[in-house]
């Protein structure tokens, strides 16, 4: 089953929005505390650079922020109306 592991490109999570980011194609990066972080867009990198400690993996702040962003998008799509299951 070695053919399943031929593609060895590295993927990382954008610490700001949670999107999967490939290290290929001139990735947007920032280094903090000797660790390289990858971003989906320049805007996410700028947000990270304002307060990098707030986006550490160990912080529950990241998960809360991700969940709040998800709920905002969901409310926008559904116009704030609850969805019914039929």
PDB file of N, CA and C in Angstrom:
ATOM      1  N   UNK A   1       0.813  -1.199   0.000  1.00  0.00           N
ATOM      2  CA  UNK A   1       0.000   0.000   0.000  1.00  0.00           C
ATOM      3  C   UNK A   1       0.855   1.261   0.000  1.00  0.00           C
ATOM      4  N   UNK A   2       2.078   1.172  -0.411  1.00  0.00           N
ATOM      5  CA  UNK A   2       2.945   2.338  -0.433  1.00  0.00           C
ATOM      6  C   UNK A   2       2.455   3.412  -1.390  1.00  0.00           C
ATOM      7  N   UNK A   3       1.668   3.038  -2.399  1.00  0.00           N
ATOM      8  CA  UNK A   3       1.195   4.023  -3.355  1.00  0.00           C
ATOM      9  C   UNK A   3       0.293   5.075  -2.717  1.00  0.00           C
ATOM     10  N   UNK A   4      -0.276   4.776  -1.567  1.00  0.00           N
ATOM     11  CA  UNK A   4      -1.133   5.749  -0.877  1.00  0.00           C
ATOM     12  C   UNK A   4      -0.330   6.879  -0.263  1.00  0.00           C
ATOM     13  N   UNK A   5       0.950   6.693  -0.074  1.00  0.00           N
ATOM     14  CA  UNK A   5       1.772   7.687   0.609  1.00  0.00           C
ATOM     15  C   UNK A   5       2.749   8.386  -0.329  1.00  0.00           C
ATOM     16  N   UNK A   6       2.521   8.327  -1.626  1.00  0.00           N
ATOM     17  CA  UNK A   6       3.428   8.969  -2.568  1.00  0.00           C
ATOM     18  C   UNK A   6       3.375  10.483  -2.473  1.00  0.00           C
ATOM     19  N   UNK A   7       2.205  11.041  -2.206  1.00  0.00           N
ATOM     20  CA  UNK A   7       2.056  12.489  -2.138  1.00  0.00           C
ATOM     21  C   UNK A   7       2.409  12.951  -0.730  1.00  0.00           C
ATOM     22  N   UNK A   8       3.592  13.534  -0.584  1.00  0.00           N
ATOM     23  CA  UNK A   8       4.088  13.885   0.742  1.00  0.00           C
ATOM     24  C   UNK A   8       4.052  15.387   0.998  1.00  0.00           C
ATOM     25  N   UNK A   9       3.188  16.146   0.298  1.00  0.00           N
ATOM     26  CA  UNK A   9       3.135  17.578   0.550  1.00  0.00           C
ATOM     27  C   UNK A   9       2.606  17.815   1.966  1.00  0.00           C
ATOM     28  N   UNK A  10       3.166  18.792   2.624  1.00  0.00           N
ATOM     29  CA  UNK A  10       2.791  19.071   4.005  1.00  0.00           C
ATOM     30  C   UNK A  10       1.618  20.033   4.037  1.00  0.00           C
ATOM     31  N   UNK A  11       0.670  19.762   4.896  1.00  0.00           N
ATOM     32  CA  UNK A  11      -0.457  20.658   5.117  1.00  0.00           C
ATOM     33  C   UNK A  11      -0.436  21.132   6.559  1.00  0.00           C
ATOM     34  N   UNK A  12      -0.820  22.374   6.731  1.00  0.00           N
ATOM     35  CA  UNK A  12      -0.880  22.977   8.055  1.00  0.00           C
ATOM     36  C   UNK A  12      -2.215  23.681   8.205  1.00  0.00           C
ATOM     37  N   UNK A  13      -2.592  23.969   9.428  1.00  0.00           N
ATOM     38  CA  UNK A  13      -3.808  24.729   9.714  1.00  0.00           C
ATOM     39  C   UNK A  13      -3.442  26.191   9.862  1.00  0.00           C
ATOM     40  N   UNK A  14      -4.214  27.043   9.205  1.00  0.00           N
ATOM     41  CA  UNK A  14      -4.085  28.481   9.415  1.00  0.00           C
ATOM     42  C   UNK A  14      -4.536  28.739  10.853  1.00  0.00           C
ATOM     43  N   UNK A  15      -3.688  29.307  11.707  1.00  0.00           N
ATOM     44  CA  UNK A  15      -4.064  29.490  13.107  1.00  0.00           C
ATOM     45  C   UNK A  15      -5.173  30.512  13.311  1.00  0.00           C
ATOM     46  N   UNK A  16      -5.442  31.346  12.327  1.00  0.00           N
ATOM     47  CA  UNK A  16      -6.463  32.380  12.475  1.00  0.00           C
ATOM     48  C   UNK A  16      -7.841  31.854  12.085  1.00  0.00           C
ATOM     49  N   UNK A  17      -7.963  31.280  10.889  1.00  0.00           N
ATOM     50  CA  UNK A  17      -9.286  30.854  10.413  1.00  0.00           C
ATOM     51  C   UNK A  17      -9.492  29.346  10.453  1.00  0.00           C
ATOM     52  N   UNK A  18      -8.406  28.579  10.636  1.00  0.00           N
ATOM     53  CA  UNK A  18      -8.529  27.129  10.717  1.00  0.00           C
ATOM     54  C   UNK A  18      -8.500  26.419   9.381  1.00  0.00           C
ATOM     55  N   UNK A  19      -8.302  27.136   8.294  1.00  0.00           N
ATOM     56  CA  UNK A  19      -8.283  26.531   6.963  1.00  0.00           C
ATOM     57  C   UNK A  19      -7.011  25.698   6.785  1.00  0.00           C
ATOM     58  N   UNK A  20      -7.124  24.594   6.024  1.00  0.00           N
ATOM     59  CA  UNK A  20      -5.951  23.802   5.679  1.00  0.00           C
ATOM     60  C   UNK A  20      -5.129  24.567   4.654  1.00  0.00           C
ATOM     61  N   UNK A  21      -3.817  24.657   4.892  1.00  0.00           N
ATOM     62  CA  UNK A  21      -2.921  25.405   4.022  1.00  0.00           C
ATOM     63  C   UNK A  21      -1.779  24.491   3.609  1.00  0.00           C
ATOM     64  N   UNK A  22      -1.497  24.447   2.318  1.00  0.00           N
ATOM     65  CA  UNK A  22      -0.387  23.656   1.794  1.00  0.00           C
ATOM     66  C   UNK A  22       0.901  24.462   1.891  1.00  0.00           C
ATOM     67  N   UNK A  23       2.009  23.768   2.066  1.00  0.00           N
ATOM     68  CA  UNK A  23       3.303  24.448   2.120  1.00  0.00           C
ATOM     69  C   UNK A  23       3.830  24.728   0.723  1.00  0.00           C
ATOM     70  N   UNK A  24       3.138  24.235  -0.285  1.00  0.00           N
ATOM     71  CA  UNK A  24       3.541  24.468  -1.671  1.00  0.00           C
ATOM     72  C   UNK A  24       3.040  25.840  -2.142  1.00  0.00           C
ATOM     73  N   UNK A  25       3.458  26.207  -3.349  1.00  0.00           N
ATOM     74  CA  UNK A  25       2.960  27.409  -4.023  1.00  0.00           C
ATOM     75  C   UNK A  25       3.218  28.705  -3.253  1.00  0.00           C
ATOM     76  N   UNK A  26       4.435  28.889  -2.768  1.00  0.00           N
ATOM     77  CA  UNK A  26       4.809  30.138  -2.099  1.00  0.00           C
ATOM     78  C   UNK A  26       3.857  30.507  -0.966  1.00  0.00           C
ATOM     79  N   UNK A  27       3.761  29.637  -0.001  1.00  0.00           N
ATOM     80  CA  UNK A  27       2.853  29.844   1.119  1.00  0.00           C
ATOM     81  C   UNK A  27       3.173  31.139   1.868  1.00  0.00           C
ATOM     82  N   UNK A  28       2.138  31.759   2.408  1.00  0.00           N
ATOM     83  CA  UNK A  28       2.283  32.953   3.238  1.00  0.00           C
ATOM     84  C   UNK A  28       2.621  32.470   4.643  1.00  0.00           C
ATOM     85  N   UNK A  29       3.729  32.928   5.184  1.00  0.00           N
ATOM     86  CA  UNK A  29       4.196  32.425   6.477  1.00  0.00           C
ATOM     87  C   UNK A  29       4.561  33.559   7.428  1.00  0.00           C
ATOM     88  N   UNK A  30       4.662  33.184   8.685  1.00  0.00           N
ATOM     89  CA  UNK A  30       5.196  34.066   9.723  1.00  0.00           C
ATOM     90  C   UNK A  30       5.903  33.164  10.726  1.00  0.00           C
ATOM     91  N   UNK A  31       6.953  33.680  11.332  1.00  0.00           N
ATOM     92  CA  UNK A  31       7.686  32.916  12.334  1.00  0.00           C
ATOM     93  C   UNK A  31       7.526  33.599  13.686  1.00  0.00           C
ATOM     94  N   UNK A  32       7.200  32.792  14.678  1.00  0.00           N
ATOM     95  CA  UNK A  32       7.058  33.297  16.046  1.00  0.00           C
ATOM     96  C   UNK A  32       7.525  32.206  16.997  1.00  0.00           C
ATOM     97  N   UNK A  33       8.363  32.556  17.954  1.00  0.00           N
ATOM     98  CA  UNK A  33       8.937  31.589  18.908  1.00  0.00           C
ATOM     99  C   UNK A  33       9.598  30.417  18.190  1.00  0.00           C
ATOM    100  N   UNK A  34      10.365  30.714  17.152  1.00  0.00           N
ATOM    101  CA  UNK A  34      11.102  29.709  16.371  1.00  0.00           C
ATOM    102  C   UNK A  34      10.197  28.666  15.726  1.00  0.00           C
ATOM    103  N   UNK A  35       8.947  29.004  15.478  1.00  0.00           N
ATOM    104  CA  UNK A  35       8.019  28.107  14.805  1.00  0.00           C
ATOM    105  C   UNK A  35       7.415  28.849  13.610  1.00  0.00           C
ATOM    106  N   UNK A  36       7.309  28.155  12.487  1.00  0.00           N
ATOM    107  CA  UNK A  36       6.739  28.752  11.286  1.00  0.00           C
ATOM    108  C   UNK A  36       5.250  28.444  11.224  1.00  0.00           C
ATOM    109  N   UNK A  37       4.452  29.478  10.974  1.00  0.00           N
ATOM    110  CA  UNK A  37       3.009  29.355  10.830  1.00  0.00           C
ATOM    111  C   UNK A  37       2.639  29.662   9.390  1.00  0.00           C
ATOM    112  N   UNK A  38       1.664  28.927   8.848  1.00  0.00           N
ATOM    113  CA  UNK A  38       1.233  29.079   7.467  1.00  0.00           C
ATOM    114  C   UNK A  38      -0.172  29.667   7.435  1.00  0.00           C
ATOM    115  N   UNK A  39      -0.415  30.539   6.437  1.00  0.00           N
ATOM    116  CA  UNK A  39      -1.682  31.255   6.357  1.00  0.00           C
ATOM    117  C   UNK A  39      -2.295  31.126   4.978  1.00  0.00           C
ATOM    118  N   UNK A  40      -3.619  31.191   4.920  1.00  0.00           N
ATOM    119  CA  UNK A  40      -4.325  31.096   3.642  1.00  0.00           C
ATOM    120  C   UNK A  40      -4.294  32.424   2.896  1.00  0.00           C
ATOM    121  N   UNK A  41      -4.173  33.537   3.613  1.00  0.00           N
ATOM    122  CA  UNK A  41      -4.197  34.861   2.980  1.00  0.00           C
ATOM    123  C   UNK A  41      -3.391  35.845   3.828  1.00  0.00           C
ATOM    124  N   UNK A  42      -3.023  36.929   3.201  1.00  0.00           N
ATOM    125  CA  UNK A  42      -2.253  37.970   3.889  1.00  0.00           C
ATOM    126  C   UNK A  42      -3.025  38.540   5.081  1.00  0.00           C
ATOM    127  N   UNK A  43      -4.345  38.651   4.945  1.00  0.00           N
ATOM    128  CA  UNK A  43      -5.166  39.192   6.026  1.00  0.00           C
ATOM    129  C   UNK A  43      -5.025  38.339   7.297  1.00  0.00           C
ATOM    130  N   UNK A  44      -5.055  37.018   7.140  1.00  0.00           N
ATOM    131  CA  UNK A  44      -4.908  36.136   8.304  1.00  0.00           C
ATOM    132  C   UNK A  44      -3.529  36.306   8.937  1.00  0.00           C
ATOM    133  N   UNK A  45      -2.501  36.471   8.110  1.00  0.00           N
ATOM    134  CA  UNK A  45      -1.158  36.682   8.638  1.00  0.00           C
ATOM    135  C   UNK A  45      -1.091  37.976   9.452  1.00  0.00           C
ATOM    136  N   UNK A  46      -1.708  39.035   8.943  1.00  0.00           N
ATOM    137  CA  UNK A  46      -1.708  40.317   9.652  1.00  0.00           C
ATOM    138  C   UNK A  46      -2.445  40.220  10.986  1.00  0.00           C
ATOM    139  N   UNK A  47      -3.562  39.482  11.009  1.00  0.00           N
ATOM    140  CA  UNK A  47      -4.295  39.284  12.262  1.00  0.00           C
ATOM    141  C   UNK A  47      -3.434  38.518  13.267  1.00  0.00           C
ATOM    142  N   UNK A  48      -2.734  37.506  12.800  1.00  0.00           N
ATOM    143  CA  UNK A  48      -1.857  36.722  13.665  1.00  0.00           C
ATOM    144  C   UNK A  48      -0.762  37.596  14.253  1.00  0.00           C
ATOM    145  N   UNK A  49      -0.162  38.442  13.431  1.00  0.00           N
ATOM    146  CA  UNK A  49       0.958  39.269  13.879  1.00  0.00           C
ATOM    147  C   UNK A  49       0.540  40.316  14.908  1.00  0.00           C
ATOM    148  N   UNK A  50      -0.733  40.660  14.982  1.00  0.00           N
ATOM    149  CA  UNK A  50      -1.217  41.606  15.996  1.00  0.00           C
ATOM    150  C   UNK A  50      -1.121  41.007  17.397  1.00  0.00           C
ATOM    151  N   UNK A  51      -1.439  39.702  17.520  1.00  0.00           N
ATOM    152  CA  UNK A  51      -1.415  39.039  18.832  1.00  0.00           C
ATOM    153  C   UNK A  51      -1.158  37.550  18.648  1.00  0.00           C
ATOM    154  N   UNK A  52       0.083  37.157  18.346  1.00  0.00           N
ATOM    155  CA  UNK A  52       0.361  35.744  18.056  1.00  0.00           C
ATOM    156  C   UNK A  52       0.087  34.800  19.225  1.00  0.00           C
ATOM    157  N   UNK A  53       0.246  35.266  20.439  1.00  0.00           N
ATOM    158  CA  UNK A  53       0.021  34.381  21.586  1.00  0.00           C
ATOM    159  C   UNK A  53      -1.441  33.949  21.692  1.00  0.00           C
ATOM    160  N   UNK A  54      -2.343  34.707  21.117  1.00  0.00           N
ATOM    161  CA  UNK A  54      -3.761  34.355  21.170  1.00  0.00           C
ATOM    162  C   UNK A  54      -4.100  33.187  20.247  1.00  0.00           C
ATOM    163  N   UNK A  55      -3.213  32.856  19.326  1.00  0.00           N
ATOM    164  CA  UNK A  55      -3.496  31.823  18.339  1.00  0.00           C
ATOM    165  C   UNK A  55      -2.696  30.543  18.557  1.00  0.00           C
ATOM    166  N   UNK A  56      -2.191  30.337  19.730  1.00  0.00           N
ATOM    167  CA  UNK A  56      -1.435  29.126  20.005  1.00  0.00           C
ATOM    168  C   UNK A  56      -2.360  27.929  20.059  1.00  0.00           C
ATOM    169  N   UNK A  57      -1.875  26.779  19.570  1.00  0.00           N
ATOM    170  CA  UNK A  57      -2.680  25.556  19.537  1.00  0.00           C
ATOM    171  C   UNK A  57      -3.210  25.176  20.911  1.00  0.00           C
ATOM    172  N   UNK A  58      -2.417  25.398  21.914  1.00  0.00           N
ATOM    173  CA  UNK A  58      -2.804  24.989  23.251  1.00  0.00           C
ATOM    174  C   UNK A  58      -3.922  25.861  23.812  1.00  0.00           C
ATOM    175  N   UNK A  59      -4.159  26.996  23.204  1.00  0.00           N
ATOM    176  CA  UNK A  59      -5.153  27.936  23.695  1.00  0.00           C
ATOM    177  C   UNK A  59      -6.552  27.542  23.247  1.00  0.00           C
ATOM    178  N   UNK A  60      -7.490  27.580  24.153  1.00  0.00           N
ATOM    179  CA  UNK A  60      -8.875  27.312  23.778  1.00  0.00           C
ATOM    180  C   UNK A  60      -9.469  28.510  23.047  1.00  0.00           C
ATOM    181  N   UNK A  61      -8.776  29.640  23.077  1.00  0.00           N
ATOM    182  CA  UNK A  61      -9.236  30.826  22.367  1.00  0.00           C
ATOM    183  C   UNK A  61      -9.397  30.535  20.885  1.00  0.00           C
ATOM    184  N   UNK A  62      -8.463  29.772  20.306  1.00  0.00           N
ATOM    185  CA  UNK A  62      -8.540  29.426  18.887  1.00  0.00           C
ATOM    186  C   UNK A  62      -9.826  28.676  18.586  1.00  0.00           C
ATOM    187  N   UNK A  63     -10.143  27.681  19.401  1.00  0.00           N
ATOM    188  CA  UNK A  63     -11.347  26.897  19.152  1.00  0.00           C
ATOM    189  C   UNK A  63     -12.610  27.735  19.315  1.00  0.00           C
ATOM    190  N   UNK A  64     -12.634  28.591  20.317  1.00  0.00           N
ATOM    191  CA  UNK A  64     -13.793  29.461  20.509  1.00  0.00           C
ATOM    192  C   UNK A  64     -13.958  30.406  19.325  1.00  0.00           C
ATOM    193  N   UNK A  65     -12.863  30.949  18.848  1.00  0.00           N
ATOM    194  CA  UNK A  65     -12.919  31.863  17.714  1.00  0.00           C
ATOM    195  C   UNK A  65     -13.400  31.126  16.460  1.00  0.00           C
ATOM    196  N   UNK A  66     -12.867  29.923  16.237  1.00  0.00           N
ATOM    197  CA  UNK A  66     -13.283  29.131  15.084  1.00  0.00           C
ATOM    198  C   UNK A  66     -14.772  28.832  15.164  1.00  0.00           C
ATOM    199  N   UNK A  67     -15.261  28.417  16.321  1.00  0.00           N
ATOM    200  CA  UNK A  67     -16.675  28.081  16.496  1.00  0.00           C
ATOM    201  C   UNK A  67     -17.547  29.320  16.289  1.00  0.00           C
ATOM    202  N   UNK A  68     -17.145  30.462  16.821  1.00  0.00           N
ATOM    203  CA  UNK A  68     -17.917  31.689  16.630  1.00  0.00           C
ATOM    204  C   UNK A  68     -17.979  32.082  15.160  1.00  0.00           C
ATOM    205  N   UNK A  69     -16.875  31.949  14.439  1.00  0.00           N
ATOM    206  CA  UNK A  69     -16.873  32.248  13.005  1.00  0.00           C
ATOM    207  C   UNK A  69     -17.809  31.301  12.250  1.00  0.00           C
ATOM    208  N   UNK A  70     -17.802  30.042  12.624  1.00  0.00           N
ATOM    209  CA  UNK A  70     -18.688  29.067  12.003  1.00  0.00           C
ATOM    210  C   UNK A  70     -20.150  29.444  12.233  1.00  0.00           C
ATOM    211  N   UNK A  71     -20.489  29.794  13.467  1.00  0.00           N
ATOM    212  CA  UNK A  71     -21.870  30.152  13.775  1.00  0.00           C
ATOM    213  C   UNK A  71     -22.306  31.421  13.037  1.00  0.00           C
ATOM    214  N   UNK A  72     -21.404  32.374  12.902  1.00  0.00           N
ATOM    215  CA  UNK A  72     -21.722  33.592  12.145  1.00  0.00           C
ATOM    216  C   UNK A  72     -22.027  33.259  10.687  1.00  0.00           C
ATOM    217  N   UNK A  73     -21.197  32.401  10.089  1.00  0.00           N
ATOM    218  CA  UNK A  73     -21.432  32.008   8.693  1.00  0.00           C
ATOM    219  C   UNK A  73     -22.744  31.244   8.560  1.00  0.00           C
ATOM    220  N   UNK A  74     -23.035  30.373   9.517  1.00  0.00           N
ATOM    221  CA  UNK A  74     -24.269  29.602   9.489  1.00  0.00           C
ATOM    222  C   UNK A  74     -25.478  30.529   9.583  1.00  0.00           C
ATOM    223  N   UNK A  75     -25.428  31.495  10.481  1.00  0.00           N
ATOM    224  CA  UNK A  75     -26.532  32.440  10.618  1.00  0.00           C
ATOM    225  C   UNK A  75     -26.709  33.276   9.360  1.00  0.00           C
ATOM    226  N   UNK A  76     -25.611  33.613   8.706  1.00  0.00           N
ATOM    227  CA  UNK A  76     -25.698  34.386   7.473  1.00  0.00           C
ATOM    228  C   UNK A  76     -26.382  33.568   6.375  1.00  0.00           C
ATOM    229  N   UNK A  77     -26.027  32.319   6.270  1.00  0.00           N
ATOM    230  CA  UNK A  77     -26.587  31.452   5.232  1.00  0.00           C
ATOM    231  C   UNK A  77     -28.059  31.178   5.489  1.00  0.00           C
ATOM    232  N   UNK A  78     -28.440  30.974   6.743  1.00  0.00           N
ATOM    233  CA  UNK A  78     -29.822  30.617   7.081  1.00  0.00           C
ATOM    234  C   UNK A  78     -30.667  31.823   7.458  1.00  0.00           C
ATOM    235  N   UNK A  79     -30.099  33.014   7.366  1.00  0.00           N
ATOM    236  CA  UNK A  79     -30.798  34.245   7.771  1.00  0.00           C
ATOM    237  C   UNK A  79     -31.241  34.202   9.218  1.00  0.00           C
ATOM    238  N   UNK A  80     -30.502  33.477  10.048  1.00  0.00           N
ATOM    239  CA  UNK A  80     -30.789  33.414  11.486  1.00  0.00           C
ATOM    240  C   UNK A  80     -31.951  32.519  11.849  1.00  0.00           C
ATOM    241  N   UNK A  81     -32.517  31.822  10.885  1.00  0.00           N
ATOM    242  CA  UNK A  81     -33.662  30.944  11.157  1.00  0.00           C
ATOM    243  C   UNK A  81     -33.160  29.548  11.488  1.00  0.00           C
ATOM    244  N   UNK A  82     -33.766  28.889  12.485  1.00  0.00           N
ATOM    245  CA  UNK A  82     -33.358  27.524  12.795  1.00  0.00           C
ATOM    246  C   UNK A  82     -33.768  26.580  11.665  1.00  0.00           C
ATOM    247  N   UNK A  83     -32.968  25.569  11.439  1.00  0.00           N
ATOM    248  CA  UNK A  83     -33.242  24.600  10.388  1.00  0.00           C
ATOM    249  C   UNK A  83     -34.089  23.467  10.940  1.00  0.00           C
ATOM    250  N   UNK A  84     -35.031  23.017  10.160  1.00  0.00           N
ATOM    251  CA  UNK A  84     -35.905  21.920  10.568  1.00  0.00           C
ATOM    252  C   UNK A  84     -35.460  20.625   9.900  1.00  0.00           C
ATOM    253  N   UNK A  85     -35.582  19.567  10.614  1.00  0.00           N
ATOM    254  CA  UNK A  85     -35.284  18.256  10.045  1.00  0.00           C
ATOM    255  C   UNK A  85     -36.611  17.567   9.749  1.00  0.00           C
ATOM    256  N   UNK A  86     -36.812  17.215   8.505  1.00  0.00           N
ATOM    257  CA  UNK A  86     -38.067  16.539   8.114  1.00  0.00           C
ATOM    258  C   UNK A  86     -37.852  15.077   7.906  1.00  0.00           C
TER     259      UNK A  86
END
